[in-house]
C-alpha atoms as a PDB file:
ATOM      1  CA  MET A   1     161.350  56.960   8.494  1.00  0.00           C
ATOM      2  CA  SER A   2     159.032  59.985   8.949  1.00  0.00           C
ATOM      3  CA  ASN A   3     155.702  59.452  10.739  1.00  0.00           C
ATOM      4  CA  ALA A   4     154.032  60.781   7.668  1.00  0.00           C
ATOM      5  CA  SER A   5     155.759  58.223   5.659  1.00  0.00           C
ATOM      6  CA  VAL A   6     154.460  54.933   7.845  1.00  0.00           C
ATOM      7  CA  MET A   7     151.130  56.594   7.936  1.00  0.00           C
ATOM      8  CA  SER A   8     150.746  56.714   3.955  1.00  0.00           C
ATOM      9  CA  ALA A   9     152.515  52.963   3.821  1.00  0.00           C
ATOM     10  CA  ALA A  10     149.616  51.516   6.144  1.00  0.00           C
ATOM     11  CA  LEU A  11     147.146  53.153   4.428  1.00  0.00           C
ATOM     12  CA  ILE A  12     148.375  52.653   0.939  1.00  0.00           C
ATOM     13  CA  PRO A  13     149.895  49.144   0.819  1.00  0.00           C
ATOM     14  CA  ALA A  14     152.097  48.056  -2.496  1.00  0.00           C
ATOM     15  CA  GLY A  15     149.586  46.156  -4.554  1.00  0.00           C
ATOM     16  CA  VAL A  16     146.933  49.458  -4.196  1.00  0.00           C
ATOM     17  CA  ALA A  17     149.908  51.605  -5.647  1.00  0.00           C
ATOM     18  CA  VAL A  18     150.306  49.149  -8.767  1.00  0.00           C
ATOM     19  CA  VAL A  19     146.671  48.932  -9.170  1.00  0.00           C
ATOM     20  CA  THR A  20     146.302  52.717  -9.000  1.00  0.00           C
ATOM     21  CA  ARG A  21     149.080  52.921 -11.749  1.00  0.00           C
ATOM     22  CA  TYR A  22     146.758  50.811 -14.256  1.00  0.00           C
ATOM     23  CA  LEU A  23     143.356  52.993 -13.130  1.00  0.00           C
ATOM     24  CA  ASP A  24     145.461  55.827 -14.062  1.00  0.00           C
ATOM     25  CA  LEU A  25     146.689  54.702 -17.413  1.00  0.00           C
ATOM     26  CA  ALA A  26     142.942  53.736 -17.989  1.00  0.00           C
ATOM     27  CA  GLY A  27     141.770  56.967 -17.373  1.00  0.00           C
ATOM     28  CA  VAL A  28     144.603  59.037 -19.820  1.00  0.00           C
ATOM     29  CA  PHE A  29     143.630  56.652 -22.421  1.00  0.00           C
ATOM     30  CA  SER A  30     139.616  57.089 -22.226  1.00  0.00           C
ATOM     31  CA  CYS A  31     139.712  60.904 -21.780  1.00  0.00           C
ATOM     32  CA  ALA A  32     142.428  61.218 -24.698  1.00  0.00           C
ATOM     33  CA  LEU A  33     139.586  59.490 -26.562  1.00  0.00           C
ATOM     34  CA  LEU A  34     137.176  62.057 -25.394  1.00  0.00           C
ATOM     35  CA  GLY A  35     139.474  64.648 -26.359  1.00  0.00           C
ATOM     36  CA  GLY A  36     140.203  63.472 -29.652  1.00  0.00           C
ATOM     37  CA  ALA A  37     136.440  63.347 -29.973  1.00  0.00           C
ATOM     38  CA  VAL A  38     136.258  67.153 -29.208  1.00  0.00           C
ATOM     39  CA  ALA A  39     138.925  68.128 -31.484  1.00  0.00           C
ATOM     40  CA  ARG A  40     136.847  66.442 -34.467  1.00  0.00           C
ATOM     41  CA  THR A  41     133.612  68.313 -33.329  1.00  0.00           C
ATOM     42  CA  ALA A  42     136.041  71.680 -33.961  1.00  0.00           C
ATOM     43  CA  GLY A  43     137.521  70.201 -36.493  1.00  0.00           C
ATOM     44  CA  LEU A  44     140.751  70.262 -36.102  1.00  0.00           C
ATOM     45  CA  ASP A  45     144.114  68.560 -37.647  1.00  0.00           C
ATOM     46  CA  LEU A  46     146.068  65.759 -36.554  1.00  0.00           C
ATOM     47  CA  PHE A  47     148.362  67.806 -34.553  1.00  0.00           C
ATOM     48  CA  GLY A  48     144.975  69.471 -32.458  1.00  0.00           C
ATOM     49  CA  PHE A  49     143.986  66.250 -32.150  1.00  0.00           C
ATOM     50  CA  LEU A  50     146.999  65.019 -30.313  1.00  0.00           C
ATOM     51  CA  VAL A  51     147.523  68.026 -28.217  1.00  0.00           C
ATOM     52  CA  VAL A  52     144.060  68.264 -27.198  1.00  0.00           C
ATOM     53  CA  GLY A  53     144.050  64.455 -26.599  1.00  0.00           C
ATOM     54  CA  ILE A  54     147.120  64.637 -24.670  1.00  0.00           C
ATOM     55  CA  ILE A  55     146.083  67.605 -22.501  1.00  0.00           C
ATOM     56  CA  SER A  56     142.659  66.224 -21.693  1.00  0.00           C
ATOM     57  CA  GLY A  57     144.415  62.952 -21.030  1.00  0.00           C
ATOM     58  CA  LEU A  58     147.160  64.218 -18.755  1.00  0.00           C
ATOM     59  CA  GLY A  59     146.200  67.680 -17.432  1.00  0.00           C
ATOM     60  CA  GLY A  60     144.168  66.350 -14.272  1.00  0.00           C
ATOM     61  CA  GLY A  61     147.321  64.119 -13.337  1.00  0.00           C
ATOM     62  CA  LEU A  62     149.977  66.851 -13.776  1.00  0.00           C
ATOM     63  CA  ILE A  63     148.035  69.537 -12.178  1.00  0.00           C
ATOM     64  CA  ARG A  64     147.866  66.779  -8.908  1.00  0.00           C
ATOM     65  CA  ASP A  65     151.625  65.751  -9.471  1.00  0.00           C
ATOM     66  CA  VAL A  66     153.000  69.363  -9.098  1.00  0.00           C
ATOM     67  CA  LEU A  67     150.990  70.308  -6.548  1.00  0.00           C
ATOM     68  CA  LEU A  68     151.991  67.319  -4.451  1.00  0.00           C
ATOM     69  CA  GLN A  69     155.533  68.218  -4.921  1.00  0.00           C
ATOM     70  CA  HIS A  70     156.772  65.036  -4.914  1.00  0.00           C
ATOM     71  CA  GLY A  71     159.409  65.054  -7.552  1.00  0.00           C
ATOM     72  CA  THR A  72     158.610  64.822 -11.342  1.00  0.00           C
ATOM     73  CA  PRO A  73     155.072  64.617 -12.634  1.00  0.00           C
ATOM     74  CA  VAL A  74     155.006  60.743 -13.309  1.00  0.00           C
ATOM     75  CA  ALA A  75     153.651  61.461 -17.171  1.00  0.00           C
ATOM     76  CA  LEU A  76     157.163  62.767 -17.859  1.00  0.00           C
ATOM     77  CA  THR A  77     159.046  59.996 -16.108  1.00  0.00           C
ATOM     78  CA  ASP A  78     156.487  57.254 -17.214  1.00  0.00           C
ATOM     79  CA  TYR A  79     156.566  57.197 -20.562  1.00  0.00           C
ATOM     80  CA  ALA A  80     153.466  54.494 -20.702  1.00  0.00           C
ATOM     81  CA  TYR A  81     151.135  57.832 -20.121  1.00  0.00           C
ATOM     82  CA  LEU A  82     152.320  59.877 -22.985  1.00  0.00           C
ATOM     83  CA  LEU A  83     152.338  56.762 -25.349  1.00  0.00           C
ATOM     84  CA  THR A  84     148.585  55.917 -23.562  1.00  0.00           C
ATOM     85  CA  ALA A  85     147.743  59.799 -24.614  1.00  0.00           C
ATOM     86  CA  VAL A  86     148.646  59.653 -27.915  1.00  0.00           C
ATOM     87  CA  ALA A  87     147.117  55.943 -28.731  1.00  0.00           C
ATOM     88  CA  GLY A  88     143.824  57.721 -27.573  1.00  0.00           C
ATOM     89  CA  SER A  89     144.108  60.540 -29.984  1.00  0.00           C
ATOM     90  CA  VAL A  90     145.288  58.996 -32.957  1.00  0.00           C
ATOM     91  CA  VAL A  91     142.460  56.099 -32.414  1.00  0.00           C
ATOM     92  CA  VAL A  92     139.617  58.669 -32.746  1.00  0.00           C
ATOM     93  CA  PHE A  93     141.827  60.421 -35.587  1.00  0.00           C
ATOM     94  CA  LEU A  94     141.144  57.550 -37.631  1.00  0.00           C
ATOM     95  CA  ILE A  95     137.700  56.191 -36.406  1.00  0.00           C
ATOM     96  CA  LYS A  96     134.541  58.714 -36.536  1.00  0.00           C
ATOM     97  CA  ILE A  97     133.621  59.460 -33.195  1.00  0.00           C
ATOM     98  CA  SER A  98     132.243  62.874 -32.549  1.00  0.00           C
ATOM     99  CA  GLU A  99     131.524  64.488 -29.070  1.00  0.00           C
ATOM    100  CA  GLU A 100     128.141  64.091 -29.695  1.00  0.00           C
ATOM    101  CA  SER A 101     128.456  60.347 -30.322  1.00  0.00           C
ATOM    102  CA  TRP A 102     130.604  59.937 -27.108  1.00  0.00           C
ATOM    103  CA  ASN A 103     127.608  61.566 -24.964  1.00  0.00           C
ATOM    104  CA  ARG A 104     125.381  59.008 -26.276  1.00  0.00           C
ATOM    105  CA  LEU A 105     127.476  55.752 -26.142  1.00  0.00           C
ATOM    106  CA  PHE A 106     130.722  56.405 -23.851  1.00  0.00           C
ATOM    107  CA  ILE A 107     128.473  57.699 -20.842  1.00  0.00           C
ATOM    108  CA  ALA A 108     129.520  54.606 -18.793  1.00  0.00           C
ATOM    109  CA  LEU A 109     133.508  54.805 -20.064  1.00  0.00           C
ATOM    110  CA  ASP A 110     132.852  58.157 -18.965  1.00  0.00           C
ATOM    111  CA  ALA A 111     131.658  57.632 -15.645  1.00  0.00           C
ATOM    112  CA  ALA A 112     134.218  55.039 -14.894  1.00  0.00           C
ATOM    113  CA  VAL A 113     137.118  57.280 -15.998  1.00  0.00           C
ATOM    114  CA  ILE A 114     135.622  59.489 -13.213  1.00  0.00           C
ATOM    115  CA  GLY A 115     135.935  56.474 -10.741  1.00  0.00           C
ATOM    116  CA  PHE A 116     139.727  55.834 -12.203  1.00  0.00           C
ATOM    117  CA  TRP A 117     140.862  59.116 -11.284  1.00  0.00           C
ATOM    118  CA  ALA A 118     138.848  60.261  -8.439  1.00  0.00           C
ATOM    119  CA  VAL A 119     140.258  56.894  -6.592  1.00  0.00           C
ATOM    120  CA  THR A 120     143.745  57.383  -8.272  1.00  0.00           C
ATOM    121  CA  GLY A 121     144.341  60.804  -7.235  1.00  0.00           C
ATOM    122  CA  ALA A 122     142.834  60.097  -3.477  1.00  0.00           C
ATOM    123  CA  ASN A 123     145.509  57.076  -3.226  1.00  0.00           C
ATOM    124  CA  LYS A 124     148.465  58.749  -4.690  1.00  0.00           C
ATOM    125  CA  THR A 125     147.570  61.808  -2.429  1.00  0.00           C
ATOM    126  CA  LEU A 126     147.276  59.585   0.782  1.00  0.00           C
ATOM    127  CA  ALA A 127     150.619  57.815  -0.408  1.00  0.00           C
ATOM    128  CA  VAL A 128     152.658  61.118   0.439  1.00  0.00           C
ATOM    129  CA  GLY A 129     151.551  61.587   3.594  1.00  0.00           C
ATOM    130  CA  LEU A 130     148.692  64.304   3.401  1.00  0.00           C
ATOM    131  CA  GLY A 131     145.536  64.140   5.200  1.00  0.00           C
ATOM    132  CA  TRP A 132     142.021  63.165   4.000  1.00  0.00           C
ATOM    133  CA  LEU A 133     140.961  66.963   2.987  1.00  0.00           C
ATOM    134  CA  PRO A 134     144.114  66.903   0.325  1.00  0.00           C
ATOM    135  CA  ALA A 135     142.917  63.717  -0.786  1.00  0.00           C
ATOM    136  CA  VAL A 136     139.408  64.480  -1.383  1.00  0.00           C
ATOM    137  CA  LEU A 137     140.562  67.805  -3.138  1.00  0.00           C
ATOM    138  CA  LEU A 138     143.238  66.372  -5.161  1.00  0.00           C
ATOM    139  CA  GLY A 139     140.940  63.272  -6.224  1.00  0.00           C
ATOM    140  CA  THR A 140     138.768  65.231  -7.681  1.00  0.00           C
ATOM    141  CA  LEU A 141     141.086  67.794  -9.361  1.00  0.00           C
ATOM    142  CA  THR A 142     142.419  64.675 -11.240  1.00  0.00           C
ATOM    143  CA  ALA A 143     139.101  63.747 -12.684  1.00  0.00           C
ATOM    144  CA  VAL A 144     138.136  67.320 -13.713  1.00  0.00           C
ATOM    145  CA  GLY A 145     141.486  68.591 -14.488  1.00  0.00           C
ATOM    146  CA  GLY A 146     141.929  67.446 -18.029  1.00  0.00           C
ATOM    147  CA  GLY A 147     138.547  68.312 -19.539  1.00  0.00           C
ATOM    148  CA  ALA A 148     138.574  71.922 -17.675  1.00  0.00           C
ATOM    149  CA  LEU A 149     142.318  72.266 -19.511  1.00  0.00           C
ATOM    150  CA  ARG A 150     140.939  71.205 -23.034  1.00  0.00           C
ATOM    151  CA  ASP A 151     137.652  73.262 -22.606  1.00  0.00           C
ATOM    152  CA  VAL A 152     139.659  76.610 -21.868  1.00  0.00           C
ATOM    153  CA  ILE A 153     142.330  76.054 -24.676  1.00  0.00           C
ATOM    154  CA  LEU A 154     139.405  75.328 -26.888  1.00  0.00           C
ATOM    155  CA  GLY A 155     137.649  78.525 -25.564  1.00  0.00           C
ATOM    156  CA  ARG A 156     134.706  76.977 -24.060  1.00  0.00           C
ATOM    157  CA  VAL A 157     133.113  77.320 -20.441  1.00  0.00           C
ATOM    158  CA  PRO A 158     134.556  74.016 -18.659  1.00  0.00           C
ATOM    159  CA  ALA A 159     131.958  71.583 -19.107  1.00  0.00           C
ATOM    160  CA  VAL A 160     132.388  70.855 -15.234  1.00  0.00           C
ATOM    161  CA  PHE A 161     131.162  74.168 -14.132  1.00  0.00           C
ATOM    162  CA  GLY A 162     127.184  73.505 -15.032  1.00  0.00           C
ATOM    163  CA  ARG A 163     124.714  71.359 -16.557  1.00  0.00           C
ATOM    164  CA  ASN A 164     127.184  68.270 -16.771  1.00  0.00           C
ATOM    165  CA  GLY A 165     125.286  65.562 -14.387  1.00  0.00           C
ATOM    166  CA  LEU A 166     126.900  66.382 -11.252  1.00  0.00           C
ATOM    167  CA  TYR A 167     130.327  65.396 -12.726  1.00  0.00           C
ATOM    168  CA  ALA A 168     132.397  67.397  -9.895  1.00  0.00           C
ATOM    169  CA  THR A 169     129.897  66.028  -7.167  1.00  0.00           C
ATOM    170  CA  VAL A 170     130.435  62.463  -8.194  1.00  0.00           C
ATOM    171  CA  ALA A 171     134.219  62.846  -8.175  1.00  0.00           C
ATOM    172  CA  VAL A 172     134.067  64.361  -4.654  1.00  0.00           C
ATOM    173  CA  ALA A 173     131.851  61.168  -3.493  1.00  0.00           C
ATOM    174  CA  VAL A 174     134.457  58.883  -4.940  1.00  0.00           C
ATOM    175  CA  ALA A 175     137.333  60.279  -3.570  1.00  0.00           C
ATOM    176  CA  GLY A 176     135.497  60.840  -0.153  1.00  0.00           C
ATOM    177  CA  VAL A 177     134.938  56.928  -0.146  1.00  0.00           C
ATOM    178  CA  THR A 178     138.378  55.715  -1.305  1.00  0.00           C
ATOM    179  CA  VAL A 179     140.040  58.107   1.642  1.00  0.00           C
ATOM    180  CA  LEU A 180     137.354  56.937   4.195  1.00  0.00           C
ATOM    181  CA  CYS A 181     137.882  53.146   3.132  1.00  0.00           C
ATOM    182  CA  SER A 182     142.007  53.678   3.357  1.00  0.00           C
ATOM    183  CA  TYR A 183     141.348  55.196   7.190  1.00  0.00           C
ATOM    184  CA  LEU A 184     139.092  52.065   7.807  1.00  0.00           C
ATOM    185  CA  GLY A 185     142.364  49.731   6.596  1.00  0.00           C
ATOM    186  CA  VAL A 186     140.614  48.420   3.616  1.00  0.00           C
ATOM    187  CA  PRO A 187     141.887  50.390   0.692  1.00  0.00           C
ATOM    188  CA  ARG A 188     141.178  47.562  -1.975  1.00  0.00           C
ATOM    189  CA  VAL A 189     137.799  47.602  -0.812  1.00  0.00           C
ATOM    190  CA  GLY A 190     137.595  51.670  -1.420  1.00  0.00           C
ATOM    191  CA  ILE A 191     138.791  51.071  -5.099  1.00  0.00           C
ATOM    192  CA  GLY A 192     136.210  48.210  -6.254  1.00  0.00           C
ATOM    193  CA  LEU A 193     133.818  50.365  -4.310  1.00  0.00           C
ATOM    194  CA  GLY A 194     134.673  53.880  -5.893  1.00  0.00           C
ATOM    195  CA  ILE A 195     134.254  53.084  -8.955  1.00  0.00           C
ATOM    196  CA  ALA A 196     131.257  51.202  -8.529  1.00  0.00           C
ATOM    197  CA  LEU A 197     129.940  54.334  -6.661  1.00  0.00           C
ATOM    198  CA  ALA A 198     131.106  56.359 -10.070  1.00  0.00           C
ATOM    199  CA  LEU A 199     129.061  54.190 -12.348  1.00  0.00           C
ATOM    200  CA  VAL A 200     125.601  54.153 -10.218  1.00  0.00           C
ATOM    201  CA  PHE A 201     126.228  57.950  -9.101  1.00  0.00           C
ATOM    202  CA  ARG A 202     127.140  59.062 -12.523  1.00  0.00           C
ATOM    203  CA  LEU A 203     124.769  57.142 -15.042  1.00  0.00           C
ATOM    204  CA  THR A 204     121.594  57.884 -12.377  1.00  0.00           C
ATOM    205  CA  ALA A 205     122.188  61.496 -12.729  1.00  0.00           C
ATOM    206  CA  VAL A 206     122.450  61.899 -16.520  1.00  0.00           C
ATOM    207  CA  HIS A 207     119.415  59.437 -16.776  1.00  0.00           C
ATOM    208  CA  TYR A 208     117.477  61.919 -14.534  1.00  0.00           C
ATOM    209  CA  GLY A 209     118.965  65.357 -15.665  1.00  0.00           C
ATOM    210  CA  TRP A 210     120.214  65.868 -11.938  1.00  0.00           C
ATOM    211  CA  ASN A 211     122.300  69.450 -11.934  1.00  0.00           C
ATOM    212  CA  LEU A 212     123.627  71.347  -9.174  1.00  0.00           C
ATOM    213  CA  PRO A 213     121.179  74.762  -8.920  1.00  0.00           C
ATOM    214  CA  ASN A 214     122.608  77.901 -10.834  1.00  0.00           C
ATOM    215  CA  SER A 215     122.698  81.256  -8.603  1.00  0.00           C
ATOM    216  CA  LEU A 216     119.929  82.005  -6.670  1.00  0.00           C
ATOM    217  CA  ASP A 217     117.656  84.958  -6.821  1.00  0.00           C
ATOM    218  CA  TRP A 218     117.116  85.153  -3.367  1.00  0.00           C
ATOM    219  CA  GLN A 219     117.487  88.727  -2.007  1.00  0.00           C
ATOM    220  CA  PRO A 220     117.761  90.241   1.458  1.00  0.00           C
ATOM    221  CA  HIS A 221     114.256  92.235   2.682  1.00  0.00           C
ATOM    222  CA  SER A 222     114.832  94.829   4.617  1.00  0.00           C
ATOM    223  CA  LYS A 223     114.623  98.393   4.615  1.00  0.00           C
ATOM    224  CA  LEU A 224     118.129  99.175   4.340  1.00  0.00           C
ATOM    225  CA  ALA A 225     118.667  96.587   1.350  1.00  0.00           C
ATOM    226  CA  SER A 226     115.245  97.770  -0.497  1.00  0.00           C
ATOM    227  CA  THR A 227     117.466 101.167  -0.438  1.00  0.00           C
ATOM    228  CA  MET A 228     120.058 100.258  -1.582  1.00  0.00           C
ATOM    229  CA  ARG A 229     118.719  98.516  -4.378  1.00  0.00           C
ATOM    230  CA  ARG A 230     116.654 101.257  -5.380  1.00  0.00           C
ATOM    231  CA  ARG A 231     119.560 103.946  -5.471  1.00  0.00           C
ATOM    232  CA  SER A 232     121.574 101.221  -7.812  1.00  0.00           C
ATOM    233  CA  ASP A 233     118.491 100.543 -10.322  1.00  0.00           C
ATOM    234  CA  PRO A 234     119.193 102.848 -12.957  1.00  0.00           C
ATOM    235  CA  ALA A 235     115.116 103.203 -14.172  1.00  0.00           C
ATOM    236  CA  THR A 236     114.649 103.890 -10.655  1.00  0.00           C
ATOM    237  CA  ARG A 237     116.865 106.764 -10.727  1.00  0.00           C
ATOM    238  CA  THR A 238     116.007 108.017 -14.453  1.00  0.00           C
ATOM    239  CA  GLY A 239     112.549 108.256 -12.951  1.00  0.00           C
ATOM    240  CA  GLY A 240     113.066 110.176  -9.879  1.00  0.00           C
ATOM    241  CA  GLU A 241     114.875 112.783 -12.037  1.00  0.00           C
ATOM    242  CA  GLU A 242     112.207 112.909 -14.173  1.00  0.00           C
ATOM    243  CA  GLN A 243     109.950 113.177 -11.816  1.00  0.00           C
ATOM    244  CA  SER A 244     112.316 116.380  -9.925  1.00  0.00           C
ATOM    245  CA  GLU A 245     111.980 118.329 -13.226  1.00  0.00           C
ATOM    246  CA  PRO A 246     109.516 121.760 -13.147  1.00  0.00           C
ATOM    247  CA  PRO A 247     106.458 121.184 -15.228  1.00  0.00           C
ATOM    248  CA  LYS A 248     106.885 123.412 -18.494  1.00  0.00           C
ATOM    249  CA  GLU A 249     104.542 126.342 -18.770  1.00  0.00           C
ATOM    250  CA  SER A 250     102.371 125.924 -22.125  1.00  0.00           C
ATOM    251  CA  SER A 251     102.932 128.845 -24.515  1.00  0.00           C
END
């Protein structure tokens, strides 16, 4: 047995792997529900509901498993994943839940899903023998990947890119806590603590409207920078050209 296998077995016991699977399925169902809600807002038909719901529910996990290169993605080998995503899509097709209603009524479930998937992605990455940094990255990607793919196919700027109540930031924090607890030898504590952190952090961010800052307007203050800005400013160039023209003689 390789050193990586021994290390991963020590970090992620078999019992934790079983819990991780059920958390993964819970995340699939919840994000398929959200995908169906987005499909309803977009006015799609049943096929559209299924496609958007499946991509929303399985997208993050598929990207994670492909990057891990540790066999066929689990969504293609374990039929429970696809059936769970289809079930979530059909539920929203039959029961009217719009994206706006979801945002008002299911914020807690949305926060829990971040915890489910960030924990799952981090644990699965550690289980194949990779280190803490890939585990944090893939834990975050698992949590936000499906929603980003869903928004892209619908022609929208992915919600994870801004004004989203620290969605990705919460996923990074949860994945980090999960990895830290695994390295401390208490992976089960990491699961519970990660989900609790997702709920508290996400709900607090939404309640108080916390968001990461947009691009800053700071510009370097130096003679060279000022000269370059004047040369690149069309208004400045136009004004200079007009002033350089000789005055016309009056008739």
